[in-house]
Amino acid sequence: MYSQIRENNDIPTKQFNTYKEGLDLEFLREYCMEHGERRVMERGETLEEAGEPAQWVAFVERGCFKYMVHNDEEGKDYCTGFAFEGEFVSDFPYCLDGDLSEVSIEADMPCEVRVISGQELQALIDNDPKMAKMDVKILKNLFKMVYARDLDHYRYTARSRYRRLLERCPQVVQMLSLKDIASFLNITPSYLSTLRKGLTFGKEK
């Protein structure tokens, strides 16, 4: 499955992580490729741990990462987002100052990344006015994306949220596990399976 994902160059990650819209992150990608430490990470290996100081910014050359939070009362982990090949993964902006990470960032499959420290990125922002403006734009876009996803849980049913996800980025849905998609949509895997069957057999109303 991993080779199929890597060979698929049409995964519509821009539609999934909308914070990138209107941003030119090529300079940061080139910086990571030239100065970043190359890491090969296995499935389940973590880049950041929730509750520990956030440290890293990574450009994903291959694979996929997921953002996880833990609910102590339920004793369950929930997936809140993903970072795909050709994207950056970090607990931003906490990584810039080494603040405690709000999420665990976990490799969802074998991954290759180019890693720089959050302190290194902060130095780039401090020394380049263009980077400083981009920093503000990223924060604005991240807020808009997270805010819209939060509102979607109120203005759409779980069925509608899944249909919208299928319409926006069907290939992303295909490459992720049923468990992770269900967690992202905040529904059970069994209910997601029911939704999928309804769509497949034309029973969805």
Protein backbone atom coordinates (compact mmCIF):
# COMPACT_ATOMS: atom_id res chain seq x y z
CA MET A 1 0.00 0.00 0.00
CA TYR A 2 2.83 2.41 0.86
CA SER A 3 4.37 2.22 -2.61
CA GLN A 4 0.98 2.89 -4.18
CA ILE A 5 0.56 6.00 -2.05
CA ARG A 6 3.98 7.31 -2.95
CA GLU A 7 3.43 6.73 -6.65
CA ASN A 8 0.13 8.62 -6.57
CA ASN A 9 1.08 12.22 -7.34
CA ASP A 10 -2.52 13.43 -7.48
CA ILE A 11 -3.37 13.24 -3.77
CA PRO A 12 -5.30 16.50 -3.20
CA THR A 13 -3.58 17.51 0.02
CA LYS A 14 -4.13 21.22 -0.74
CA GLN A 15 -7.85 20.63 -0.37
CA PHE A 16 -7.39 18.86 2.96
CA ASN A 17 -4.94 21.22 4.72
CA THR A 18 -6.29 24.56 3.62
CA TYR A 19 -3.85 26.60 5.72
CA LYS A 20 -1.41 26.43 2.79
CA GLU A 21 -3.67 28.35 0.43
CA GLY A 22 -2.05 31.60 -0.73
CA LEU A 23 1.31 30.74 0.84
CA ASP A 24 4.62 30.22 -0.95
CA LEU A 25 6.52 27.81 1.29
CA GLU A 26 9.14 26.88 -1.29
CA PHE A 27 11.91 28.74 0.56
CA LEU A 28 11.22 26.77 3.73
CA ARG A 29 11.09 23.49 1.80
CA GLU A 30 14.45 24.24 0.19
CA TYR A 31 15.92 25.21 3.54
CA CYS A 32 14.76 21.95 5.12
CA MET A 33 16.11 19.92 2.21
CA GLU A 34 19.50 21.66 2.38
CA HIS A 35 19.97 22.03 6.12
CA GLY A 36 17.55 19.58 7.70
CA GLU A 37 18.48 16.27 9.26
CA ARG A 38 17.17 13.33 7.23
CA ARG A 39 15.19 10.89 9.34
CA VAL A 40 13.57 7.61 8.39
CA MET A 41 10.69 6.89 10.74
CA GLU A 42 8.70 3.71 11.18
CA ARG A 43 4.94 3.50 11.55
CA GLY A 44 3.95 4.47 15.10
CA GLU A 45 7.15 6.41 15.78
CA THR A 46 6.53 9.88 17.20
CA LEU A 47 7.97 13.20 16.11
CA GLU A 48 6.44 15.03 19.08
CA GLU A 49 4.83 13.84 22.32
CA ALA A 50 1.91 15.69 23.91
CA GLY A 51 2.97 17.30 27.19
CA GLU A 52 6.65 17.38 26.20
CA PRO A 53 8.44 20.46 24.80
CA ALA A 54 7.69 20.81 21.10
CA GLN A 55 10.95 20.94 19.15
CA TRP A 56 10.69 20.12 15.47
CA VAL A 57 9.56 21.26 12.05
CA ALA A 58 9.75 18.59 9.36
CA PHE A 59 9.20 18.48 5.62
CA VAL A 60 7.58 15.17 4.65
CA GLU A 61 9.41 13.60 1.72
CA ARG A 62 7.50 10.32 1.96
CA GLY A 63 4.62 9.02 4.02
CA CYS A 64 1.93 10.49 6.22
CA PHE A 65 1.72 11.74 9.82
CA LYS A 66 -1.29 12.07 12.09
CA TYR A 67 -1.95 14.48 14.96
CA MET A 68 -3.27 12.74 18.09
CA VAL A 69 -4.80 13.92 21.35
CA HIS A 70 -5.66 11.78 24.38
CA ASN A 71 -8.89 11.91 26.35
CA ASP A 72 -8.01 10.86 29.91
CA GLU A 73 -11.60 10.32 31.06
CA GLU A 74 -12.40 8.01 28.16
CA GLY A 75 -8.93 6.54 27.97
CA LYS A 76 -9.00 7.04 24.18
CA ASP A 77 -6.84 8.69 21.55
CA TYR A 78 -8.39 10.89 18.87
CA CYS A 79 -6.95 11.88 15.51
CA THR A 80 -7.30 15.62 14.83
CA GLY A 81 -5.45 16.00 11.53
CA PHE A 82 -2.90 14.70 9.03
CA ALA A 83 0.22 15.86 7.20
CA PHE A 84 0.97 14.28 3.85
CA GLU A 85 3.90 13.91 1.47
CA GLY A 86 5.09 17.32 0.25
CA GLU A 87 3.81 19.10 3.37
CA PHE A 88 5.26 20.30 6.66
CA VAL A 89 4.51 18.66 9.98
CA SER A 90 4.97 20.31 13.39
CA ASP A 91 3.08 21.47 16.45
CA PHE A 92 3.12 25.06 15.26
CA PRO A 93 3.61 27.61 16.81
CA TYR A 94 4.53 25.77 20.04
CA CYS A 95 7.71 24.41 18.45
CA LEU A 96 9.10 27.93 17.97
CA ASP A 97 9.63 28.54 21.69
CA GLY A 98 9.76 24.98 22.97
CA ASP A 99 6.34 25.24 24.63
CA LEU A 100 4.67 22.01 25.69
CA SER A 101 3.19 20.21 22.72
CA GLU A 102 -0.60 20.04 22.62
CA VAL A 103 -0.59 16.94 20.39
CA SER A 104 1.41 13.82 19.68
CA ILE A 105 2.60 13.63 16.08
CA GLU A 106 2.87 10.05 14.90
CA ALA A 107 4.03 8.43 11.67
CA ASP A 108 1.03 6.66 10.14
CA MET A 109 3.29 4.62 7.84
CA PRO A 110 7.03 4.44 7.06
CA CYS A 111 8.13 8.04 6.51
CA GLU A 112 11.15 10.04 5.37
CA VAL A 113 11.46 13.62 6.61
CA ARG A 114 13.90 16.52 6.68
CA VAL A 115 13.90 17.99 10.18
CA ILE A 116 14.97 21.38 11.53
CA SER A 117 14.46 22.71 15.05
CA GLY A 118 11.70 25.14 15.93
CA GLN A 119 14.39 27.47 17.27
CA GLU A 120 16.05 27.43 13.86
CA LEU A 121 12.76 28.38 12.20
CA GLN A 122 12.23 31.15 14.76
CA ALA A 123 15.67 32.55 13.90
CA LEU A 124 14.71 32.59 10.21
CA ILE A 125 11.49 34.44 11.06
CA ASP A 126 13.35 36.98 13.22
CA ASN A 127 15.95 37.72 10.56
CA ASP A 128 13.72 37.95 7.48
CA PRO A 129 10.75 40.36 7.24
CA LYS A 130 9.17 38.19 4.53
CA MET A 131 9.34 35.16 6.83
CA ALA A 132 7.82 37.22 9.64
CA LYS A 133 4.84 38.13 7.43
CA MET A 134 4.50 34.49 6.40
CA ASP A 135 4.49 33.48 10.08
CA VAL A 136 1.48 35.72 10.70
CA LYS A 137 -0.26 34.42 7.56
CA ILE A 138 0.29 30.80 8.60
CA LEU A 139 -1.20 31.48 12.03
CA LYS A 140 -4.24 33.18 10.48
CA ASN A 141 -4.77 30.35 8.02
CA LEU A 142 -4.35 27.70 10.71
CA PHE A 143 -6.96 29.43 12.85
CA LYS A 144 -9.39 29.63 9.93
CA MET A 145 -8.91 25.96 9.09
CA VAL A 146 -9.31 24.71 12.67
CA TYR A 147 -12.24 27.06 13.32
CA ALA A 148 -14.05 25.88 10.18
CA ARG A 149 -13.54 22.23 11.13
CA ASP A 150 -14.89 22.92 14.60
CA LEU A 151 -17.98 24.65 13.19
CA ASP A 152 -18.54 21.77 10.75
CA HIS A 153 -19.25 19.50 13.73
CA TYR A 154 -22.26 21.70 14.49
CA ARG A 155 -23.53 22.64 11.05
CA TYR A 156 -23.18 19.20 9.43
CA THR A 157 -24.12 15.71 10.52
CA ALA A 158 -21.45 13.01 10.63
CA ARG A 159 -22.91 11.66 7.39
CA SER A 160 -22.57 15.03 5.70
CA ARG A 161 -19.04 15.55 7.03
CA TYR A 162 -17.97 12.24 5.53
CA ARG A 163 -19.65 13.00 2.21
CA ARG A 164 -17.90 16.39 2.08
CA LEU A 165 -14.57 14.74 2.86
CA LEU A 166 -15.13 12.28 0.02
CA GLU A 167 -16.01 15.08 -2.38
CA ARG A 168 -13.03 17.26 -1.46
CA CYS A 169 -10.29 14.63 -1.28
CA PRO A 170 -11.37 11.09 -2.20
CA GLN A 171 -7.81 9.80 -2.61
CA VAL A 172 -6.86 10.94 0.87
CA VAL A 173 -9.82 9.00 2.23
CA GLN A 174 -8.67 5.92 0.35
CA MET A 175 -5.13 6.02 1.75
CA LEU A 176 -6.10 6.37 5.43
CA SER A 177 -7.33 3.64 7.74
CA LEU A 178 -10.99 3.34 8.67
CA LYS A 179 -10.06 3.89 12.32
CA ASP A 180 -8.20 7.15 11.65
CA ILE A 181 -10.91 8.58 9.39
CA ALA A 182 -13.56 7.72 12.00
CA SER A 183 -11.49 9.34 14.73
CA PHE A 184 -10.99 12.48 12.64
CA LEU A 185 -14.76 12.69 12.02
CA ASN A 186 -15.39 11.92 15.71
CA ILE A 187 -17.55 8.88 14.99
CA THR A 188 -17.10 5.16 15.61
CA PRO A 189 -15.46 2.92 13.00
CA SER A 190 -18.62 0.79 12.89
CA TYR A 191 -20.76 3.83 12.04
CA LEU A 192 -18.28 4.93 9.40
CA SER A 193 -18.45 1.43 7.92
CA THR A 194 -22.24 1.81 7.74
CA LEU A 195 -21.89 5.16 5.97
CA ARG A 196 -19.45 3.65 3.48
CA LYS A 197 -21.78 0.77 2.70
CA GLY A 198 -24.65 3.18 2.18
CA LEU A 199 -22.63 5.19 -0.32
CA THR A 200 -21.33 2.09 -2.09
CA PHE A 201 -24.72 0.48 -2.57
CA GLY A 202 -26.65 3.68 -3.22
CA LYS A 203 -28.63 3.55 0.00
CA GLU A 204 -27.38 6.87 1.30
CA LYS A 205 -30.23 9.39 1.63
